[in-house]
Every structure is written in C-alpha cells, then in structure tokens.
Amino acid sequence: MILKDLISPVNSEKDSPAGPTGFETLAKLAIELIILGGLALFAYSLVWNFSTRRYLKGFTDAIVPLAGSSEEKTEALVEWFHDEPPRIDHPVTESTEQIHDRDPVNIVKSARLLKICGSASNAFMNLADAAGLKVRRLLLLGPSGGTMHVVAEVQWGDRWVVVNPQQGLVFKDQLGRGLTKEELRDPGVFKDAISRMPGYSPKYTFDHTIHIRLARIPILGRPLRSVLDRFAPGWEEAINWAYFPENPALWLMSISLPLCLLGILANLIINRYGRNRRGINLRGLISNR
C-alpha cells in the first residue's frame, strides 16, 4: 500500500517531497559561476602562456644561433643585453604595474625594466629557455638576509656558469673561462672577475646565495626553508623554481585550478545536503501515510 501511494501522482503540495530551497538554488548558481570562472581563467592562462612562449621563441631565433653550443647561445644573448637597441617605454598604471613588470614580453620591450637586475634576469631566463638552454635564477643575499642583486646561471656541460644580465656580461676568469658561483665565493677569483665588469658593485658577493626566497611567504616562509634544508638537502636545485614567481600566466593557472576544485567540492556538498534533506522529508511523508 505504501509503495502504491509513492508511485501514484501526488496532487497535494503538502504531500510531496520538498524541492530545492532558495538557498540550494542560489548556492548551485554561485558554484556554477565559480567553476566556469575557474575554467575560463585556466583557458586564458594557457593561451597567454602559449602566446608568450611563441613570441619569445621568435625573438630568440633572431638573436641566437640555432645550431650553436650552450656557450655560443649564451654569449649571443648577453651581447644583446649588453648592446640592446633603444626602446620606448609606455606609461603603466599602478593597478597593472606588478603584472606588467613581470610579463616576459613586456620586459624585453622595456628599456626601464631591462635596467633592473631582477627584470633583466627574468628576461634572460625566458629567452634562454626559449633558446633551449638550461637556466635558473640566483639571488645574492646580504648580511641581513635581504636580496642585494639578481643574476642567472646557465648550464655549460656539467657546470653552471653565472651571468649578469643587467650588464650583459658573463663572469669569467683571466683565460675567458666561465665561472660558477662556487668559484666566485673565492675572494681572489671574485675580485679578478669583476675587474673586467665595469660598474659591478664589489658588495654583490656570492657568499650567500639562494634560488627562491621563501622568506617572502608570511609566517611559514622561514620555518619551511629550515625544514626543507634539513630533511631534503638540495631541494632548491632539484627543480627550477624561478619560472613561477616571474611568469604571471602561471599565477592565473595556479588560481584557476583551486577555484575549479573548490567549486566541484562545494557542488558535492550541496548535492549531499539536498539529498539528505529530501530523504528526511520523504521519510516523514511515508510515516504520515
């Protein structure tokens, strides 16, 4: 009898299980917007990243010998940084300054940004990567732990040679051999190298260097570095961490994926809530018959 009543048409609103509430409807709409927004942001970041890499590849092909060795490609790049043609800087608003100043395409077009060590190193890394070189950023720290200067390392064979993109020069010894950061920690080698680099400050030593500055992460940054240094020595050089903080397209991608996951999780929760609520109403309906 109960089964018959359940499958028969229900004419009374009072007897029917409750449909979605206004809260559920609004929640589902908000969740759909979050998921669609996340997907749109992800698609935009992919297009932005693809167009950036395509531009940089074409830019690099015009500078770097396609069949050259790592040393030849690096020398061609630093020569462009040293003698790059004049550029006209366009005005930038404060609201877009941070993204504009870190966009690899904007950097290679800007005379102002190419004079800043961090931006110049960012541009060099992106162009070197487009040229097929293995490259990573290197931060030179002062006694207080702050960043004094930013340079780059390029892999030549089994050695990581240091380049100063801001000046468009490679750190070299008297014989013209590229120097590594380990070699530049020797005061005599360092002094000799910078004697051929007019304008390079002798304060920018290689006594303390890192590849990524975790201290910029509020509260957790310093403890996280201590834990990683203790339990995973060499973690900084296992992965090239420099591209994420210097590539705005990847910022959007890192935001879009959690947004989509959050939307999917919220959708599962609201569906579960709706099923539970309707299940309770349905049991109440059966018991009243």
Protein backbone atom coordinates (compact mmCIF):
# COMPACT_ATOMS: atom_id res chain seq x y z
CA MET A 1 0.00 0.00 0.00
CA ILE A 2 2.80 2.38 0.85
CA LEU A 3 4.61 1.58 -2.41
CA LYS A 4 1.42 2.19 -4.35
CA ASP A 5 0.99 5.56 -2.74
CA LEU A 6 4.59 6.52 -3.52
CA ILE A 7 4.38 5.76 -7.22
CA SER A 8 0.97 7.32 -7.69
CA PRO A 9 0.71 11.01 -8.69
CA VAL A 10 0.87 13.36 -5.79
CA ASN A 11 -1.67 16.11 -6.14
CA SER A 12 -1.09 17.90 -2.87
CA GLU A 13 1.92 20.16 -2.36
CA LYS A 14 1.72 19.25 1.28
CA ASP A 15 2.22 15.53 0.50
CA SER A 16 5.13 15.94 -1.96
CA PRO A 17 8.82 15.82 -1.01
CA ALA A 18 10.27 19.32 -0.82
CA GLY A 19 12.09 20.58 -3.93
CA PRO A 20 15.26 22.65 -3.91
CA THR A 21 15.17 25.55 -1.50
CA GLY A 22 16.10 29.09 -2.42
CA PHE A 23 19.42 28.58 -0.64
CA GLU A 24 20.22 25.48 -2.72
CA THR A 25 19.30 27.24 -5.95
CA LEU A 26 21.47 30.25 -5.18
CA ALA A 27 24.32 28.03 -3.96
CA LYS A 28 24.25 25.95 -7.15
CA LEU A 29 24.26 29.11 -9.28
CA ALA A 30 27.23 30.50 -7.36
CA ILE A 31 29.08 27.18 -7.66
CA GLU A 32 28.48 27.02 -11.41
CA LEU A 33 29.85 30.56 -11.77
CA ILE A 34 32.94 29.63 -9.72
CA ILE A 35 33.63 26.54 -11.84
CA LEU A 36 33.03 28.39 -15.12
CA GLY A 37 35.21 31.25 -13.91
CA GLY A 38 37.99 28.82 -12.98
CA LEU A 39 37.81 27.09 -16.37
CA ALA A 40 37.81 30.43 -18.20
CA LEU A 41 40.80 31.60 -16.17
CA PHE A 42 42.64 28.34 -16.89
CA ALA A 43 41.94 28.61 -20.62
CA TYR A 44 43.08 32.24 -20.64
CA SER A 45 46.31 31.37 -18.82
CA LEU A 46 47.05 28.60 -21.33
CA VAL A 47 46.54 30.95 -24.28
CA TRP A 48 48.62 33.65 -22.58
CA ASN A 49 51.44 31.22 -21.81
CA PHE A 50 51.38 29.80 -25.35
CA SER A 51 51.44 33.24 -26.99
CA THR A 52 54.25 34.37 -24.66
CA ARG A 53 56.42 31.35 -25.44
CA ARG A 54 55.73 31.72 -29.16
CA TYR A 55 56.77 35.38 -29.09
CA LEU A 56 59.91 34.65 -27.07
CA LYS A 57 60.84 31.79 -29.40
CA GLY A 58 60.64 34.05 -32.44
CA PHE A 59 62.51 36.79 -30.59
CA THR A 60 65.27 34.38 -29.58
CA ASP A 61 65.63 32.87 -33.06
CA ALA A 62 66.55 36.33 -34.33
CA ILE A 63 69.34 36.67 -31.75
CA VAL A 64 70.74 33.21 -31.02
CA PRO A 65 72.45 30.84 -33.50
CA LEU A 66 70.07 27.89 -33.85
CA ALA A 67 72.85 25.30 -34.11
CA GLY A 68 75.19 26.94 -31.61
CA SER A 69 76.58 25.40 -28.44
CA SER A 70 75.40 26.44 -24.98
CA GLU A 71 78.37 28.82 -24.73
CA GLU A 72 77.66 30.39 -28.14
CA LYS A 73 73.96 30.82 -27.41
CA THR A 74 74.69 32.38 -24.03
CA GLU A 75 77.27 34.76 -25.49
CA ALA A 76 74.79 35.83 -28.19
CA LEU A 77 72.13 36.53 -25.58
CA VAL A 78 74.37 38.51 -23.23
CA GLU A 79 75.65 40.51 -26.20
CA TRP A 80 72.06 41.54 -26.96
CA PHE A 81 71.54 42.53 -23.32
CA HIS A 82 74.78 44.50 -23.40
CA ASP A 83 74.03 46.31 -26.66
CA GLU A 84 70.25 46.03 -26.89
CA PRO A 85 68.61 48.63 -29.19
CA PRO A 86 66.82 51.70 -27.79
CA ARG A 87 63.24 51.18 -26.66
CA ILE A 88 60.28 53.43 -25.90
CA ASP A 89 58.56 52.80 -22.57
CA HIS A 90 54.79 53.17 -22.47
CA PRO A 91 53.12 54.52 -19.31
CA VAL A 92 51.88 51.89 -16.85
CA THR A 93 49.08 52.40 -14.31
CA GLU A 94 49.58 51.38 -10.68
CA SER A 95 46.80 48.78 -10.92
CA THR A 96 48.60 46.86 -13.68
CA GLU A 97 52.21 47.63 -12.78
CA GLN A 98 53.06 44.36 -10.99
CA ILE A 99 51.75 42.08 -13.73
CA HIS A 100 53.11 44.35 -16.50
CA ASP A 101 56.57 44.47 -14.94
CA ARG A 102 56.75 40.68 -14.68
CA ASP A 103 55.31 39.81 -18.08
CA PRO A 104 58.26 38.38 -20.10
CA VAL A 105 57.05 40.01 -23.32
CA ASN A 106 56.76 43.45 -21.72
CA ILE A 107 60.21 43.16 -20.16
CA VAL A 108 62.08 42.58 -23.43
CA LYS A 109 60.25 45.59 -24.88
CA SER A 110 61.03 47.92 -21.98
CA ALA A 111 64.28 49.87 -21.57
CA ARG A 112 63.32 50.67 -17.98
CA LEU A 113 62.80 47.05 -16.93
CA LEU A 114 65.96 45.81 -18.64
CA LYS A 115 67.97 48.13 -16.40
CA ILE A 116 66.62 46.41 -13.25
CA CYS A 117 68.57 43.32 -12.20
CA GLY A 118 65.51 41.22 -11.34
CA SER A 119 63.60 42.04 -14.52
CA ALA A 120 66.71 41.66 -16.69
CA SER A 121 67.39 38.23 -15.17
CA ASN A 122 63.75 37.28 -15.74
CA ALA A 123 64.02 38.28 -19.40
CA PHE A 124 67.31 36.44 -19.80
CA MET A 125 65.90 33.24 -18.28
CA ASN A 126 62.85 33.25 -20.53
CA LEU A 127 64.87 33.94 -23.66
CA ALA A 128 67.49 31.35 -22.71
CA ASP A 129 64.77 28.78 -22.09
CA ALA A 130 63.25 29.56 -25.49
CA ALA A 131 66.72 29.02 -27.00
CA GLY A 132 66.91 25.55 -25.44
CA LEU A 133 69.31 26.45 -22.64
CA LYS A 134 69.05 25.21 -19.08
CA VAL A 135 68.96 28.29 -16.88
CA ARG A 136 67.98 29.28 -13.34
CA ARG A 137 67.79 32.42 -11.24
CA LEU A 138 70.31 33.15 -8.48
CA LEU A 139 69.69 35.62 -5.64
CA LEU A 140 72.70 37.17 -3.92
CA LEU A 141 71.91 37.83 -0.26
CA GLY A 142 73.39 40.45 2.03
CA PRO A 143 74.40 40.06 5.69
CA SER A 144 70.82 40.79 6.83
CA GLY A 145 69.36 38.11 4.52
CA GLY A 146 67.87 40.56 2.03
CA THR A 147 68.40 40.27 -1.72
CA MET A 148 71.22 42.55 -2.92
CA HIS A 149 71.35 41.50 -6.56
CA VAL A 150 69.83 39.01 -9.00
CA VAL A 151 71.82 37.10 -11.61
CA ALA A 152 71.31 33.89 -13.61
CA GLU A 153 73.08 30.57 -14.02
CA VAL A 154 73.37 28.79 -17.37
CA GLN A 155 74.43 25.17 -17.72
CA TRP A 156 77.55 24.70 -19.81
CA GLY A 157 78.20 20.97 -19.86
CA ASP A 158 78.27 19.88 -16.23
CA ARG A 159 78.94 23.39 -14.89
CA TRP A 160 76.51 26.21 -14.03
CA VAL A 161 78.13 29.43 -15.20
CA VAL A 162 76.99 32.76 -13.73
CA VAL A 163 75.68 35.54 -15.98
CA ASN A 164 74.86 39.13 -15.04
CA PRO A 165 72.01 40.02 -17.45
CA GLN A 166 71.72 43.57 -16.14
CA GLN A 167 75.18 44.32 -17.60
CA GLY A 168 75.05 41.72 -20.35
CA LEU A 169 78.23 40.01 -19.16
CA VAL A 170 79.40 36.53 -18.14
CA PHE A 171 81.60 36.13 -15.07
CA LYS A 172 84.93 34.90 -16.46
CA ASP A 173 88.49 34.31 -15.31
CA GLN A 174 91.66 35.63 -17.00
CA LEU A 175 91.53 32.84 -19.59
CA GLY A 176 87.95 33.65 -20.57
CA ARG A 177 86.51 30.58 -18.85
CA GLY A 178 83.03 31.00 -17.38
CA LEU A 179 82.87 30.88 -13.58
CA THR A 180 80.43 29.14 -11.26
CA LYS A 181 79.00 30.56 -8.01
CA GLU A 182 81.19 28.16 -6.03
CA GLU A 183 84.31 29.54 -7.74
CA LEU A 184 83.13 33.12 -7.24
CA ARG A 185 82.99 32.59 -3.49
CA ASP A 186 86.77 32.75 -3.54
CA PRO A 187 87.57 36.45 -2.86
CA GLY A 188 90.55 36.44 -5.24
CA VAL A 189 88.59 34.86 -8.11
CA PHE A 190 85.64 37.20 -7.49
CA LYS A 191 87.84 40.33 -7.43
CA ASP A 192 89.60 39.30 -10.63
CA ALA A 193 86.30 38.56 -12.43
CA ILE A 194 84.60 41.86 -11.58
CA SER A 195 87.72 43.81 -12.57
CA ARG A 196 86.58 43.13 -16.16
CA MET A 197 82.98 44.13 -15.38
CA PRO A 198 82.92 47.93 -15.02
CA GLY A 199 80.05 49.12 -12.86
CA TYR A 200 79.57 45.86 -10.97
CA SER A 201 79.47 46.56 -7.23
CA PRO A 202 82.01 44.58 -5.15
CA LYS A 203 79.32 44.39 -2.44
CA TYR A 204 77.40 41.88 -4.59
CA THR A 205 79.33 38.83 -3.43
CA PHE A 206 78.41 35.16 -3.70
CA ASP A 207 78.90 34.29 -0.02
CA HIS A 208 75.17 33.65 0.48
CA THR A 209 73.01 32.63 -2.47
CA ILE A 210 69.57 31.07 -2.93
CA HIS A 211 67.32 30.29 -5.90
CA ILE A 212 63.95 31.12 -4.35
CA ARG A 213 63.17 33.35 -1.40
CA LEU A 214 60.68 31.53 0.83
CA ALA A 215 61.02 34.27 3.45
CA ARG A 216 58.53 36.30 1.40
CA ILE A 217 55.81 33.84 2.45
CA PRO A 218 54.25 35.30 5.62
CA ILE A 219 54.86 33.37 8.86
CA LEU A 220 55.60 30.00 7.21
CA GLY A 221 58.45 31.01 4.89
CA ARG A 222 61.47 30.80 7.19
CA PRO A 223 60.37 27.64 9.08
CA LEU A 224 59.55 25.96 5.74
CA ARG A 225 63.06 26.65 4.42
CA SER A 226 64.61 25.28 7.63
CA VAL A 227 62.58 22.07 7.36
CA LEU A 228 63.38 21.60 3.65
CA ASP A 229 67.08 22.31 4.15
CA ARG A 230 67.23 19.77 6.96
CA PHE A 231 65.18 16.90 5.51
CA ALA A 232 65.64 17.45 1.75
CA PRO A 233 69.10 18.90 1.11
CA GLY A 234 69.45 20.11 -2.46
CA TRP A 235 65.71 20.69 -2.90
CA GLU A 236 66.33 24.15 -4.39
CA GLU A 237 68.34 22.80 -7.29
CA ALA A 238 66.20 19.71 -7.89
CA ILE A 239 63.53 21.84 -9.61
CA ASN A 240 63.77 25.17 -11.38
CA TRP A 241 61.56 27.29 -9.12
CA ALA A 242 62.24 30.62 -10.79
CA TYR A 243 59.61 30.47 -13.54
CA PHE A 244 56.54 30.60 -11.30
CA PRO A 245 57.22 33.88 -9.45
CA GLU A 246 58.34 35.53 -12.69
CA ASN A 247 55.54 34.37 -15.01
CA PRO A 248 52.09 35.93 -14.47
CA ALA A 249 50.41 33.40 -16.78
CA LEU A 250 51.32 30.68 -14.28
CA TRP A 251 49.85 32.77 -11.46
CA LEU A 252 46.44 32.63 -13.15
CA MET A 253 46.80 28.90 -13.71
CA SER A 254 47.60 28.34 -10.03
CA ILE A 255 44.46 30.31 -9.08
CA SER A 256 42.15 28.66 -11.62
CA LEU A 257 42.81 25.05 -10.62
CA PRO A 258 41.99 25.52 -6.89
CA LEU A 259 38.89 27.50 -7.94
CA CYS A 260 37.64 24.59 -10.04
CA LEU A 261 38.39 22.08 -7.28
CA LEU A 262 36.65 24.29 -4.73
CA GLY A 263 33.61 24.54 -6.96
CA ILE A 264 33.46 20.78 -7.50
CA LEU A 265 33.80 20.12 -3.76
CA ALA A 266 31.13 22.69 -2.93
CA ASN A 267 28.84 21.11 -5.54
CA LEU A 268 29.27 17.68 -3.94
CA ILE A 269 28.47 19.13 -0.52
CA ILE A 270 25.35 20.99 -1.65
CA ASN A 271 24.09 17.90 -3.54
CA ARG A 272 24.65 15.78 -0.44
CA TYR A 273 22.82 18.35 1.66
CA GLY A 274 19.88 18.38 -0.78
CA ARG A 275 19.64 14.56 -0.88
CA ASN A 276 19.74 14.32 2.90
CA ARG A 277 17.07 16.99 3.31
CA ARG A 278 14.76 15.43 0.73
CA GLY A 279 15.39 12.00 2.27
CA ILE A 280 14.23 13.26 5.66
CA ASN A 281 11.13 14.82 4.08
CA LEU A 282 10.40 11.62 2.19
CA ARG A 283 10.64 9.50 5.34
CA GLY A 284 8.33 11.97 7.10
CA LEU A 285 5.84 11.67 4.24
CA ILE A 286 5.87 7.87 4.41
CA SER A 287 5.38 7.80 8.18
CA ASN A 288 2.40 10.16 7.91
CA ARG A 289 0.54 7.94 5.49
